[in-house]
Amino acid sequence: MKAILIYSGGLDSTTLLYEYKDRIALAVTFDYGSKHNAREIAYAVENCRLLGIPHRVIPLEFIGKYFRSDLLLSGGDIPEGSYADDNMKSTVVPFRNGIMLAVAVGLAESNDLDTVLLANHSGDHAIYPDCRPEFVDAFDRAAEAGTYNGVRIVSPYCHITKRDIALRGRALGIDYSLTYSCYKGGEKHCGRCGTCTERKEALEGFDPTEYEA
């Protein structure tokens, strides 16, 4: 495997970065205009520096400009609650993973890489259609058919929980203070939005995060 990682700088993709570090030739972060992009990107840059993995930030300004989602700077307030709550659907960025995967597949073929790594997990399935197994499987088939070198999509965490991912990271010795999750994008994690709630549950017992609440 010679892989490119779609790397946000959050908990899940940072765990994947460290777990697959010897097989990752390039990590790519997309700046698409979310409220928390800037803070995530800073940690993505730092973790790649620590591991010596080449890293690129690719702008996707059109998403922030033309798409509708409360996750974006152009959207409304970030709702509070868990991902089980219906109001969290307002944070979905339509087909975000599809767009990012398409760019990553093109980058993989351009750099003679055979794999795109994606850190989606089972907790995403409830409200994010482009994190579900059937979507990833379909995109994998499309990528293989649409590239000369048969690029594959690999999502090792697709069927496990965020808690499982965090426990893997603890075993790897990952410093999760060098990751960012909060959808509100503040200096501190708010502790109340869906992703903060999920982060707290995943890191229970070894959480280095400083929360507002």
Protein backbone atom coordinates (compact mmCIF):
# COMPACT_ATOMS: atom_id res chain seq x y z
CA MET A 1 0.00 0.00 0.00
CA LYS A 2 1.24 3.47 -0.99
CA ALA A 3 -1.43 5.78 0.35
CA ILE A 4 -2.74 9.30 0.50
CA LEU A 5 -4.67 10.18 3.65
CA ILE A 6 -7.59 12.60 3.72
CA TYR A 7 -6.52 14.29 6.94
CA SER A 8 -8.64 16.82 8.82
CA GLY A 9 -6.56 17.18 11.99
CA GLY A 10 -9.35 15.69 14.09
CA LEU A 11 -9.27 12.67 16.39
CA ASP A 12 -10.20 9.98 13.87
CA SER A 13 -7.94 10.94 10.98
CA THR A 14 -5.05 11.67 13.35
CA THR A 15 -5.33 8.14 14.71
CA LEU A 16 -5.29 6.82 11.14
CA LEU A 17 -2.27 9.01 10.38
CA TYR A 18 -0.27 7.46 13.22
CA GLU A 19 -1.52 3.91 12.72
CA TYR A 20 -0.67 3.88 8.99
CA LYS A 21 2.27 6.31 9.08
CA ASP A 22 4.66 3.90 7.38
CA ARG A 23 2.31 3.50 4.41
CA ILE A 24 1.22 7.12 3.98
CA ALA A 25 3.17 8.97 1.30
CA LEU A 26 1.03 12.12 1.40
CA ALA A 27 -1.61 13.64 3.68
CA VAL A 28 -4.04 16.19 2.30
CA THR A 29 -6.27 18.59 4.22
CA PHE A 30 -9.13 20.44 2.54
CA ASP A 31 -9.91 24.03 3.47
CA TYR A 32 -13.58 24.24 2.55
CA GLY A 33 -14.79 27.10 4.71
CA SER A 34 -15.97 25.35 7.85
CA LYS A 35 -16.08 27.12 11.20
CA HIS A 36 -13.35 24.87 12.58
CA ASN A 37 -11.12 24.49 9.49
CA ALA A 38 -8.39 26.86 10.67
CA ARG A 39 -7.88 25.13 14.01
CA GLU A 40 -7.99 21.65 12.49
CA ILE A 41 -5.49 22.60 9.79
CA ALA A 42 -2.99 23.90 12.36
CA TYR A 43 -2.97 20.51 14.10
CA ALA A 44 -2.82 18.64 10.79
CA VAL A 45 0.30 20.59 9.86
CA GLU A 46 1.88 19.89 13.26
CA ASN A 47 1.22 16.14 13.31
CA CYS A 48 2.54 15.69 9.79
CA ARG A 49 5.64 17.67 10.76
CA LEU A 50 6.20 15.43 13.79
CA LEU A 51 5.95 12.30 11.64
CA GLY A 52 7.80 13.69 8.63
CA ILE A 53 4.86 13.01 6.31
CA PRO A 54 4.43 15.36 3.32
CA HIS A 55 1.27 17.44 3.73
CA ARG A 56 -0.75 19.69 1.47
CA VAL A 57 -3.67 22.01 2.17
CA ILE A 58 -6.03 22.25 -0.80
CA PRO A 59 -8.60 25.08 -0.92
CA LEU A 60 -12.19 24.27 -1.80
CA GLU A 61 -13.66 27.75 -1.39
CA PHE A 62 -16.64 26.98 -3.59
CA ILE A 63 -18.09 24.74 -0.86
CA GLY A 64 -18.19 27.56 1.67
CA LYS A 65 -19.54 29.94 -0.94
CA TYR A 66 -22.24 27.89 -2.63
CA PHE A 67 -23.21 25.01 -0.30
CA ARG A 68 -25.71 25.16 2.55
CA SER A 69 -24.68 23.88 5.98
CA ASP A 70 -24.46 25.29 9.48
CA LEU A 71 -20.97 23.81 9.67
CA LEU A 72 -19.79 26.46 7.22
CA LEU A 73 -18.81 30.02 8.06
CA SER A 74 -21.64 31.06 5.75
CA GLY A 75 -24.17 29.02 7.74
CA GLY A 76 -26.15 29.49 10.93
CA ASP A 77 -25.35 28.60 14.53
CA ILE A 78 -23.98 25.16 15.35
CA PRO A 79 -26.66 23.13 17.14
CA GLU A 80 -25.94 21.49 20.48
CA GLY A 81 -26.71 17.91 21.41
CA SER A 82 -25.69 14.45 20.28
CA TYR A 83 -25.55 13.03 16.77
CA ALA A 84 -28.74 11.14 17.58
CA ASP A 85 -30.59 14.46 17.65
CA ASP A 86 -32.35 15.40 14.41
CA ASN A 87 -31.10 18.99 14.56
CA MET A 88 -27.52 17.80 13.88
CA LYS A 89 -28.48 17.22 10.25
CA SER A 90 -27.99 20.95 9.75
CA THR A 91 -24.21 20.34 10.04
CA VAL A 92 -24.11 18.03 7.01
CA VAL A 93 -22.10 19.52 4.14
CA PRO A 94 -23.73 17.98 1.06
CA PHE A 95 -21.50 15.36 -0.59
CA ARG A 96 -18.39 16.71 1.14
CA ASN A 97 -16.66 13.33 1.29
CA GLY A 98 -17.53 12.63 -2.32
CA ILE A 99 -15.83 15.83 -3.43
CA MET A 100 -12.79 15.25 -1.25
CA LEU A 101 -12.47 11.64 -2.34
CA ALA A 102 -12.61 12.64 -6.00
CA VAL A 103 -9.74 15.10 -5.52
CA ALA A 104 -7.76 12.61 -3.44
CA VAL A 105 -8.17 9.88 -6.06
CA GLY A 106 -6.83 12.25 -8.72
CA LEU A 107 -3.90 13.16 -6.46
CA ALA A 108 -3.21 9.49 -5.80
CA GLU A 109 -3.00 8.66 -9.49
CA SER A 110 -0.92 11.78 -10.16
CA ASN A 111 1.59 10.72 -7.50
CA ASP A 112 1.68 7.00 -8.37
CA LEU A 113 -0.15 6.04 -5.18
CA ASP A 114 -2.62 3.17 -5.07
CA THR A 115 -4.80 3.90 -2.02
CA VAL A 116 -6.88 6.69 -0.51
CA LEU A 117 -7.38 6.37 3.26
CA LEU A 118 -10.57 7.73 4.84
CA ALA A 119 -11.26 7.86 8.60
CA ASN A 120 -15.06 7.59 8.65
CA HIS A 121 -16.50 5.43 11.45
CA SER A 122 -19.76 3.80 12.46
CA GLY A 123 -20.93 6.78 14.52
CA ASP A 124 -21.05 8.89 11.36
CA HIS A 125 -23.60 6.67 9.63
CA ALA A 126 -26.70 8.09 11.31
CA ILE A 127 -26.65 11.54 9.71
CA TYR A 128 -23.81 11.59 7.15
CA PRO A 129 -24.78 9.69 3.98
CA ASP A 130 -21.30 10.00 2.47
CA CYS A 131 -19.74 8.22 5.47
CA ARG A 132 -21.85 5.06 5.16
CA PRO A 133 -20.37 1.72 4.02
CA GLU A 134 -22.49 1.55 0.88
CA PHE A 135 -21.21 4.96 -0.22
CA VAL A 136 -17.57 4.09 0.44
CA ASP A 137 -17.95 0.76 -1.37
CA ALA A 138 -19.53 2.47 -4.38
CA PHE A 139 -16.82 5.13 -4.52
CA ASP A 140 -14.15 2.47 -4.22
CA ARG A 141 -15.53 0.72 -7.30
CA ALA A 142 -15.71 4.01 -9.19
CA ALA A 143 -12.14 4.96 -8.27
CA GLU A 144 -10.77 1.59 -9.32
CA ALA A 145 -12.64 1.72 -12.62
CA GLY A 146 -11.79 5.35 -13.29
CA THR A 147 -8.01 5.29 -12.81
CA TYR A 148 -5.27 3.63 -14.83
CA ASN A 149 -3.58 2.32 -11.71
CA GLY A 150 -6.79 1.13 -10.03
CA VAL A 151 -6.81 3.42 -6.98
CA ARG A 152 -8.73 1.91 -4.06
CA ILE A 153 -10.59 3.58 -1.19
CA VAL A 154 -9.77 2.05 2.20
CA SER A 155 -11.68 3.03 5.36
CA PRO A 156 -10.31 0.89 8.21
CA TYR A 157 -12.60 2.41 10.85
CA CYS A 158 -15.86 2.21 8.90
CA HIS A 159 -17.36 -0.49 11.13
CA ILE A 160 -15.97 0.49 14.53
CA THR A 161 -16.87 3.24 17.00
CA LYS A 162 -15.06 6.46 17.85
CA ARG A 163 -14.31 4.96 21.27
CA ASP A 164 -12.60 2.02 19.53
CA ILE A 165 -10.55 4.49 17.49
CA ALA A 166 -9.54 6.46 20.59
CA LEU A 167 -8.46 3.27 22.37
CA ARG A 168 -6.28 2.39 19.38
CA GLY A 169 -4.77 5.84 19.59
CA ARG A 170 -4.07 5.52 23.29
CA ALA A 171 -2.25 2.24 22.61
CA LEU A 172 -0.20 4.07 19.96
CA GLY A 173 0.66 6.83 22.41
CA ILE A 174 -1.05 9.60 20.44
CA ASP A 175 -1.26 13.01 22.09
CA TYR A 176 -4.89 13.92 21.49
CA SER A 177 -4.31 17.45 22.76
CA LEU A 178 -2.82 17.95 19.27
CA THR A 179 -6.20 17.38 17.63
CA TYR A 180 -9.31 19.51 17.24
CA SER A 181 -12.96 18.53 16.91
CA CYS A 182 -15.35 21.33 17.97
CA TYR A 183 -17.71 22.42 15.21
CA LYS A 184 -17.97 25.92 16.69
CA GLY A 185 -14.29 26.61 16.03
CA GLY A 186 -13.52 28.43 19.28
CA GLU A 187 -10.20 28.61 21.07
CA LYS A 188 -11.47 25.93 23.45
CA HIS A 189 -13.78 23.03 22.61
CA CYS A 190 -17.31 24.12 23.51
CA GLY A 191 -18.16 20.76 25.11
CA ARG A 192 -21.78 20.93 23.95
CA CYS A 193 -21.96 20.40 20.18
CA GLY A 194 -22.37 16.95 18.67
CA THR A 195 -18.71 16.42 17.90
CA CYS A 196 -17.61 17.60 21.35
CA THR A 197 -20.10 15.25 22.99
CA GLU A 198 -18.80 12.39 20.86
CA ARG A 199 -15.18 13.34 21.61
CA LYS A 200 -15.84 13.30 25.37
CA GLU A 201 -17.39 9.84 25.15
CA ALA A 202 -14.53 8.51 23.00
CA LEU A 203 -11.76 9.86 25.23
CA GLU A 204 -13.39 9.15 28.60
CA GLY A 205 -10.71 8.34 31.14
CA PHE A 206 -7.82 9.83 29.16
CA ASP A 207 -9.18 13.07 27.71
CA PRO A 208 -6.62 15.92 27.58
CA THR A 209 -9.12 18.35 26.01
CA GLU A 210 -9.95 21.64 27.71
CA TYR A 211 -13.68 22.29 27.33
CA GLU A 212 -15.65 25.47 27.95
CA ALA A 213 -18.42 23.38 29.53
